[in-house]
Structures are given as C-alpha cells and as structure tokens.
Amino acid sequence: MTELHNMQQSLDAAETKNRLNTWVAVSVALVSVFMGITKVKDDNIVQAMLQAKSNAVDTWNEYQSKKIKHHVAELGLSQTIALQAMAAGKGNVVLVAQQKRYQESIARYQTEEDALMKKSKAFEKEYDDLNFKDDQFDLSDAALSISLAMLAITALTGKRKLLFLSLLFAGFGGVMGLAGLLGLHLHPDALTRLLS
C-alpha cells in the first residue's frame, strides 16, 4: 500500500511541476512577445531622438552663423558711420547707401536668429519628450528581462514563489511598456535618475 501511496505522491508532484512549467512557458512567451513589440517602438523612438538632436545641433550651428554675420554687419555699420563723419560730398552718399544695406542686413539677421532659436528649442523639446518615452521603454525592457531570468530559474528550481515574483517584474515591465505605447505620463523619476 505504501508503494501505491508513493507512486501517487510522485504523480501528484510531477503534475504540479508540469503545471508550473506550463505557467512558466506561457509567461515566457507572453513576456517575449511584449518585449519584441516594445523593442520595435523603442528603436523607432531612439531614431527619432537622434534625428531631433541632430536637427537641434544643426539649427544651433545655423543660429551661430547668423549671429556672426549679424556682428559683422554691426561692425560694418559702425565703420561706415565713422567714415561718414570724416567724409564729405559724394563719398557721403555712398556711405549712406552702405549704412542702409547694413541696417537691412542687421534687421534680417535678427529676425532669422529669433526664428532659428525657436526652431532649435522646439527640436530640443522634441528630444526631451522622446527621451521621456525612451525611459519608459528602457524600464520596461529591464523589468521584463529580469522577469525572463527569474522564469528560467523557476523552471529549473520549481519554486512557485519565484514564479509570482517574476510575474510582479513582468507586470511592472508591462505597465511601463504600455505607458510608452499609449503615451501615458507615467515616469518613476527617482528610479530613472538612479539608472541614468
């Protein structure tokens, strides 16, 4: 009778382990699929971040170029004013025309500088907004990777507590991934600063 009882206990243990392994397998599949989806979105965000940063740098360079031209025009204007004070007659007419061109250039550069500054700041804001979403996907990826590692250990050890702990990490990773996908304003700043 004890042999039959031992066999029944072995069958029950095998069935329990089989159910645990089924849960582990399903969890691994779901976590992996979700990670794949969020990875594609995260890679696209990183590409957009690189483009936004490149655009911001290019625009700031263009702004600096305009600023230099602006200063050169101001210097030219100052020189023509000084020369005008010394010149008389026909030379004075040439200097007045040159001053007018410098004043028009200065006004144009000022307008262009203001537009370039706004444009560059918009690119920087775009980068910051994308970085916010990238942080969400990074946290999702980290939590889901931890979950997968714990699921592997669960399959080896057969410990149910590890399954539940891995599902907690998967839940956090899923929430952060969904926040990134849906554009939710969920961002654990302290954790992000710690990991940055």
C-alpha atoms as a PDB file:
ATOM      1  CA  MET A   1       0.000   0.000   0.000  1.00  0.00           C
ATOM      2  CA  THR A   2       2.845   2.398   0.765  1.00  0.00           C
ATOM      3  CA  GLU A   3       4.270   1.744  -2.684  1.00  0.00           C
ATOM      4  CA  LEU A   4       0.973   2.780  -4.248  1.00  0.00           C
ATOM      5  CA  HIS A   5       0.870   5.832  -1.991  1.00  0.00           C
ATOM      6  CA  ASN A   6       4.447   6.759  -3.007  1.00  0.00           C
ATOM      7  CA  MET A   7       3.554   6.402  -6.677  1.00  0.00           C
ATOM      8  CA  GLN A   8       0.521   8.634  -6.206  1.00  0.00           C
ATOM      9  CA  GLN A   9       2.665  11.258  -4.475  1.00  0.00           C
ATOM     10  CA  SER A  10       5.205  11.106  -7.320  1.00  0.00           C
ATOM     11  CA  LEU A  11       2.443  11.541  -9.871  1.00  0.00           C
ATOM     12  CA  ASP A  12       0.989  14.483  -7.938  1.00  0.00           C
ATOM     13  CA  ALA A  13       4.437  16.117  -7.702  1.00  0.00           C
ATOM     14  CA  ALA A  14       5.053  15.582 -11.413  1.00  0.00           C
ATOM     15  CA  GLU A  15       1.646  17.032 -12.254  1.00  0.00           C
ATOM     16  CA  THR A  16       2.321  20.069 -10.043  1.00  0.00           C
ATOM     17  CA  LYS A  17       5.724  20.587 -11.660  1.00  0.00           C
ATOM     18  CA  ASN A  18       4.141  20.172 -15.084  1.00  0.00           C
ATOM     19  CA  ARG A  19       1.533  22.845 -14.296  1.00  0.00           C
ATOM     20  CA  LEU A  20       4.274  25.156 -13.008  1.00  0.00           C
ATOM     21  CA  ASN A  21       6.313  24.605 -16.170  1.00  0.00           C
ATOM     22  CA  THR A  22       3.218  25.336 -18.266  1.00  0.00           C
ATOM     23  CA  TRP A  23       2.772  28.634 -16.432  1.00  0.00           C
ATOM     24  CA  VAL A  24       6.450  29.406 -16.913  1.00  0.00           C
ATOM     25  CA  ALA A  25       6.257  28.620 -20.640  1.00  0.00           C
ATOM     26  CA  VAL A  26       3.161  30.749 -21.178  1.00  0.00           C
ATOM     27  CA  SER A  27       4.691  33.591 -19.180  1.00  0.00           C
ATOM     28  CA  VAL A  28       7.936  33.441 -21.171  1.00  0.00           C
ATOM     29  CA  ALA A  29       6.008  33.520 -24.426  1.00  0.00           C
ATOM     30  CA  LEU A  30       3.865  36.487 -23.399  1.00  0.00           C
ATOM     31  CA  VAL A  31       6.791  38.466 -21.965  1.00  0.00           C
ATOM     32  CA  SER A  32       8.907  37.779 -25.053  1.00  0.00           C
ATOM     33  CA  VAL A  33       6.193  38.881 -27.476  1.00  0.00           C
ATOM     34  CA  PHE A  34       5.538  42.059 -25.499  1.00  0.00           C
ATOM     35  CA  MET A  35       9.272  42.771 -25.324  1.00  0.00           C
ATOM     36  CA  GLY A  36       9.506  42.369 -29.098  1.00  0.00           C
ATOM     37  CA  ILE A  37       6.693  44.835 -29.699  1.00  0.00           C
ATOM     38  CA  THR A  38       8.062  47.440 -27.301  1.00  0.00           C
ATOM     39  CA  LYS A  39      11.587  46.979 -28.667  1.00  0.00           C
ATOM     40  CA  VAL A  40      10.442  47.970 -32.157  1.00  0.00           C
ATOM     41  CA  LYS A  41       8.735  51.078 -30.782  1.00  0.00           C
ATOM     42  CA  ASP A  42      11.747  51.899 -28.592  1.00  0.00           C
ATOM     43  CA  ASP A  43      14.144  51.604 -31.547  1.00  0.00           C
ATOM     44  CA  ASN A  44      11.940  53.960 -33.569  1.00  0.00           C
ATOM     45  CA  ILE A  45      11.932  56.444 -30.694  1.00  0.00           C
ATOM     46  CA  VAL A  46      15.722  56.281 -30.425  1.00  0.00           C
ATOM     47  CA  GLN A  47      15.994  57.004 -34.161  1.00  0.00           C
ATOM     48  CA  ALA A  48      13.640  59.970 -33.759  1.00  0.00           C
ATOM     49  CA  MET A  49      15.698  61.171 -30.770  1.00  0.00           C
ATOM     50  CA  LEU A  50      18.872  61.050 -32.838  1.00  0.00           C
ATOM     51  CA  GLN A  51      17.172  62.988 -35.627  1.00  0.00           C
ATOM     52  CA  ALA A  52      15.814  65.592 -33.204  1.00  0.00           C
ATOM     53  CA  LYS A  53      19.224  66.039 -31.574  1.00  0.00           C
ATOM     54  CA  SER A  54      20.894  66.311 -34.976  1.00  0.00           C
ATOM     55  CA  ASN A  55      18.318  68.883 -36.079  1.00  0.00           C
ATOM     56  CA  ALA A  56      18.820  70.868 -32.871  1.00  0.00           C
ATOM     57  CA  VAL A  57      22.613  70.901 -33.299  1.00  0.00           C
ATOM     58  CA  ASP A  58      22.320  71.881 -36.976  1.00  0.00           C
ATOM     59  CA  THR A  59      19.882  74.654 -36.138  1.00  0.00           C
ATOM     60  CA  TRP A  60      22.072  75.986 -33.318  1.00  0.00           C
ATOM     61  CA  ASN A  61      25.029  75.985 -35.727  1.00  0.00           C
ATOM     62  CA  GLU A  62      22.972  77.928 -38.236  1.00  0.00           C
ATOM     63  CA  TYR A  63      21.961  80.313 -35.446  1.00  0.00           C
ATOM     64  CA  GLN A  64      25.632  80.870 -34.544  1.00  0.00           C
ATOM     65  CA  SER A  65      26.442  81.530 -38.188  1.00  0.00           C
ATOM     66  CA  LYS A  66      23.692  84.147 -38.380  1.00  0.00           C
ATOM     67  CA  LYS A  67      24.906  85.671 -35.134  1.00  0.00           C
ATOM     68  CA  ILE A  68      28.421  86.055 -36.565  1.00  0.00           C
ATOM     69  CA  LYS A  69      27.050  87.616 -39.755  1.00  0.00           C
ATOM     70  CA  HIS A  70      24.935  89.908 -37.576  1.00  0.00           C
ATOM     71  CA  HIS A  71      28.004  91.078 -35.658  1.00  0.00           C
ATOM     72  CA  VAL A  72      29.973  91.591 -38.875  1.00  0.00           C
ATOM     73  CA  ALA A  73      27.117  93.714 -40.219  1.00  0.00           C
ATOM     74  CA  GLU A  74      27.063  95.743 -36.995  1.00  0.00           C
ATOM     75  CA  LEU A  75      30.825  96.296 -37.301  1.00  0.00           C
ATOM     76  CA  GLY A  76      30.399  97.347 -40.930  1.00  0.00           C
ATOM     77  CA  LEU A  77      27.676  99.783 -39.923  1.00  0.00           C
ATOM     78  CA  SER A  78      29.889 101.238 -37.199  1.00  0.00           C
ATOM     79  CA  GLN A  79      32.734 101.685 -39.667  1.00  0.00           C
ATOM     80  CA  THR A  80      30.536 103.403 -42.240  1.00  0.00           C
ATOM     81  CA  ILE A  81      29.223 105.774 -39.580  1.00  0.00           C
ATOM     82  CA  ALA A  82      32.800 106.592 -38.578  1.00  0.00           C
ATOM     83  CA  LEU A  83      33.833 107.078 -42.219  1.00  0.00           C
ATOM     84  CA  GLN A  84      30.767 109.212 -42.861  1.00  0.00           C
ATOM     85  CA  ALA A  85      31.828 111.560 -40.111  1.00  0.00           C
ATOM     86  CA  MET A  86      35.156 112.032 -41.906  1.00  0.00           C
ATOM     87  CA  ALA A  87      33.892 112.056 -45.495  1.00  0.00           C
ATOM     88  CA  ALA A  88      32.270 114.851 -47.355  1.00  0.00           C
ATOM     89  CA  GLY A  89      30.328 115.225 -50.571  1.00  0.00           C
ATOM     90  CA  LYS A  90      29.988 112.294 -52.964  1.00  0.00           C
ATOM     91  CA  GLY A  91      31.632 109.790 -50.595  1.00  0.00           C
ATOM     92  CA  ASN A  92      28.981 110.586 -48.035  1.00  0.00           C
ATOM     93  CA  VAL A  93      26.211 109.361 -50.404  1.00  0.00           C
ATOM     94  CA  VAL A  94      27.997 106.012 -50.873  1.00  0.00           C
ATOM     95  CA  LEU A  95      28.376 105.607 -47.123  1.00  0.00           C
ATOM     96  CA  VAL A  96      24.688 106.366 -46.511  1.00  0.00           C
ATOM     97  CA  ALA A  97      23.701 103.667 -49.048  1.00  0.00           C
ATOM     98  CA  GLN A  98      26.093 101.200 -47.431  1.00  0.00           C
ATOM     99  CA  GLN A  99      24.696 102.010 -43.979  1.00  0.00           C
ATOM    100  CA  LYS A 100      21.196 101.291 -45.256  1.00  0.00           C
ATOM    101  CA  ARG A 101      22.279  97.865 -46.563  1.00  0.00           C
ATOM    102  CA  TYR A 102      23.949  97.067 -43.227  1.00  0.00           C
ATOM    103  CA  GLN A 103      20.830  98.131 -41.301  1.00  0.00           C
ATOM    104  CA  GLU A 104      18.644  95.941 -43.520  1.00  0.00           C
ATOM    105  CA  SER A 105      21.038  93.010 -43.019  1.00  0.00           C
ATOM    106  CA  ILE A 106      21.057  93.514 -39.266  1.00  0.00           C
ATOM    107  CA  ALA A 107      17.239  93.549 -39.158  1.00  0.00           C
ATOM    108  CA  ARG A 108      17.060  90.412 -41.351  1.00  0.00           C
ATOM    109  CA  TYR A 109      19.657  88.566 -39.241  1.00  0.00           C
ATOM    110  CA  GLN A 110      17.812  89.463 -36.047  1.00  0.00           C
ATOM    111  CA  THR A 111      14.574  88.022 -37.457  1.00  0.00           C
ATOM    112  CA  GLU A 112      16.338  84.886 -38.713  1.00  0.00           C
ATOM    113  CA  GLU A 113      18.156  84.418 -35.379  1.00  0.00           C
ATOM    114  CA  ASP A 114      14.897  84.583 -33.446  1.00  0.00           C
ATOM    115  CA  ALA A 115      13.278  82.038 -35.771  1.00  0.00           C
ATOM    116  CA  LEU A 116      16.288  79.711 -35.558  1.00  0.00           C
ATOM    117  CA  MET A 117      16.353  79.937 -31.758  1.00  0.00           C
ATOM    118  CA  LYS A 118      12.667  78.971 -31.569  1.00  0.00           C
ATOM    119  CA  LYS A 119      13.204  76.153 -34.053  1.00  0.00           C
ATOM    120  CA  SER A 120      16.198  74.791 -32.143  1.00  0.00           C
ATOM    121  CA  LYS A 121      14.357  74.946 -28.820  1.00  0.00           C
ATOM    122  CA  ALA A 122      11.454  73.060 -30.431  1.00  0.00           C
ATOM    123  CA  PHE A 123      13.867  70.312 -31.531  1.00  0.00           C
ATOM    124  CA  GLU A 124      15.295  70.160 -28.002  1.00  0.00           C
ATOM    125  CA  LYS A 125      11.785  69.852 -26.552  1.00  0.00           C
ATOM    126  CA  GLU A 126      11.006  67.106 -29.061  1.00  0.00           C
ATOM    127  CA  TYR A 127      14.165  65.302 -27.940  1.00  0.00           C
ATOM    128  CA  ASP A 128      13.201  65.638 -24.261  1.00  0.00           C
ATOM    129  CA  ASP A 129       9.675  64.362 -24.953  1.00  0.00           C
ATOM    130  CA  LEU A 130      11.060  61.377 -26.860  1.00  0.00           C
ATOM    131  CA  ASN A 131      13.592  60.717 -24.098  1.00  0.00           C
ATOM    132  CA  PHE A 132      10.710  60.559 -21.605  1.00  0.00           C
ATOM    133  CA  LYS A 133       9.128  57.747 -23.656  1.00  0.00           C
ATOM    134  CA  ASP A 134      12.505  56.089 -24.179  1.00  0.00           C
ATOM    135  CA  ASP A 135      12.949  55.938 -20.391  1.00  0.00           C
ATOM    136  CA  GLN A 136       9.593  54.158 -20.124  1.00  0.00           C
ATOM    137  CA  PHE A 137      10.651  51.561 -22.679  1.00  0.00           C
ATOM    138  CA  ASP A 138      14.069  51.152 -21.034  1.00  0.00           C
ATOM    139  CA  LEU A 139      12.440  50.444 -17.664  1.00  0.00           C
ATOM    140  CA  SER A 140      10.017  48.054 -19.346  1.00  0.00           C
ATOM    141  CA  ASP A 141      12.856  46.219 -21.067  1.00  0.00           C
ATOM    142  CA  ALA A 142      14.871  45.949 -17.853  1.00  0.00           C
ATOM    143  CA  ALA A 143      11.945  44.666 -15.776  1.00  0.00           C
ATOM    144  CA  LEU A 144      10.890  42.174 -18.445  1.00  0.00           C
ATOM    145  CA  SER A 145      14.480  40.902 -18.794  1.00  0.00           C
ATOM    146  CA  ILE A 146      14.639  40.344 -15.040  1.00  0.00           C
ATOM    147  CA  SER A 147      11.303  38.557 -15.269  1.00  0.00           C
ATOM    148  CA  LEU A 148      12.586  36.237 -18.005  1.00  0.00           C
ATOM    149  CA  ALA A 149      15.690  35.404 -15.988  1.00  0.00           C
ATOM    150  CA  MET A 150      13.555  34.615 -12.946  1.00  0.00           C
ATOM    151  CA  LEU A 151      11.227  32.473 -15.054  1.00  0.00           C
ATOM    152  CA  ALA A 152      14.220  30.442 -16.225  1.00  0.00           C
ATOM    153  CA  ILE A 153      15.286  29.903 -12.619  1.00  0.00           C
ATOM    154  CA  THR A 154      11.685  28.996 -11.743  1.00  0.00           C
ATOM    155  CA  ALA A 155      11.683  26.313 -14.431  1.00  0.00           C
ATOM    156  CA  LEU A 156      14.924  24.882 -13.031  1.00  0.00           C
ATOM    157  CA  THR A 157      14.039  25.019  -9.349  1.00  0.00           C
ATOM    158  CA  GLY A 158      10.270  24.536  -9.458  1.00  0.00           C
ATOM    159  CA  LYS A 159       9.745  27.288  -6.848  1.00  0.00           C
ATOM    160  CA  ARG A 160       6.306  28.867  -7.107  1.00  0.00           C
ATOM    161  CA  LYS A 161       7.401  31.970  -5.170  1.00  0.00           C
ATOM    162  CA  LEU A 162       9.868  32.764  -7.948  1.00  0.00           C
ATOM    163  CA  LEU A 163       7.041  32.498 -10.479  1.00  0.00           C
ATOM    164  CA  PHE A 164       4.988  35.069  -8.581  1.00  0.00           C
ATOM    165  CA  LEU A 165       7.986  37.380  -8.130  1.00  0.00           C
ATOM    166  CA  SER A 166       8.818  37.133 -11.829  1.00  0.00           C
ATOM    167  CA  LEU A 167       5.203  37.973 -12.656  1.00  0.00           C
ATOM    168  CA  LEU A 168       5.498  41.096 -10.480  1.00  0.00           C
ATOM    169  CA  PHE A 169       8.507  42.225 -12.543  1.00  0.00           C
ATOM    170  CA  ALA A 170       6.630  41.333 -15.726  1.00  0.00           C
ATOM    171  CA  GLY A 171       3.656  43.370 -14.506  1.00  0.00           C
ATOM    172  CA  PHE A 172       5.829  46.421 -13.866  1.00  0.00           C
ATOM    173  CA  GLY A 173       7.512  45.973 -17.232  1.00  0.00           C
ATOM    174  CA  GLY A 174       4.138  45.621 -18.904  1.00  0.00           C
ATOM    175  CA  VAL A 175       2.779  48.756 -17.252  1.00  0.00           C
ATOM    176  CA  MET A 176       5.842  50.785 -18.303  1.00  0.00           C
ATOM    177  CA  GLY A 177       5.705  49.380 -21.831  1.00  0.00           C
ATOM    178  CA  LEU A 178       2.013  50.200 -22.156  1.00  0.00           C
ATOM    179  CA  ALA A 179       2.667  53.684 -20.784  1.00  0.00           C
ATOM    180  CA  GLY A 180       5.216  54.181 -23.557  1.00  0.00           C
ATOM    181  CA  LEU A 181       2.978  52.726 -26.247  1.00  0.00           C
ATOM    182  CA  LEU A 182      -0.106  54.678 -25.173  1.00  0.00           C
ATOM    183  CA  GLY A 183       1.707  57.914 -24.340  1.00  0.00           C
ATOM    184  CA  LEU A 184       0.744  57.874 -20.669  1.00  0.00           C
ATOM    185  CA  HIS A 185       2.507  60.275 -18.331  1.00  0.00           C
ATOM    186  CA  LEU A 186       3.863  57.543 -16.035  1.00  0.00           C
ATOM    187  CA  HIS A 187       7.519  58.057 -15.226  1.00  0.00           C
ATOM    188  CA  PRO A 188       9.189  56.944 -11.979  1.00  0.00           C
ATOM    189  CA  ASP A 189      11.653  59.852 -11.863  1.00  0.00           C
ATOM    190  CA  ALA A 190      13.632  58.597  -8.883  1.00  0.00           C
ATOM    191  CA  LEU A 191      14.211  55.190 -10.496  1.00  0.00           C
ATOM    192  CA  THR A 192      15.075  56.791 -13.838  1.00  0.00           C
ATOM    193  CA  ARG A 193      17.593  59.140 -12.194  1.00  0.00           C
ATOM    194  CA  LEU A 194      19.108  56.220 -10.301  1.00  0.00           C
ATOM    195  CA  LEU A 195      19.605  54.244 -13.506  1.00  0.00           C
ATOM    196  CA  SER A 196      20.721  57.207 -15.656  1.00  0.00           C
END
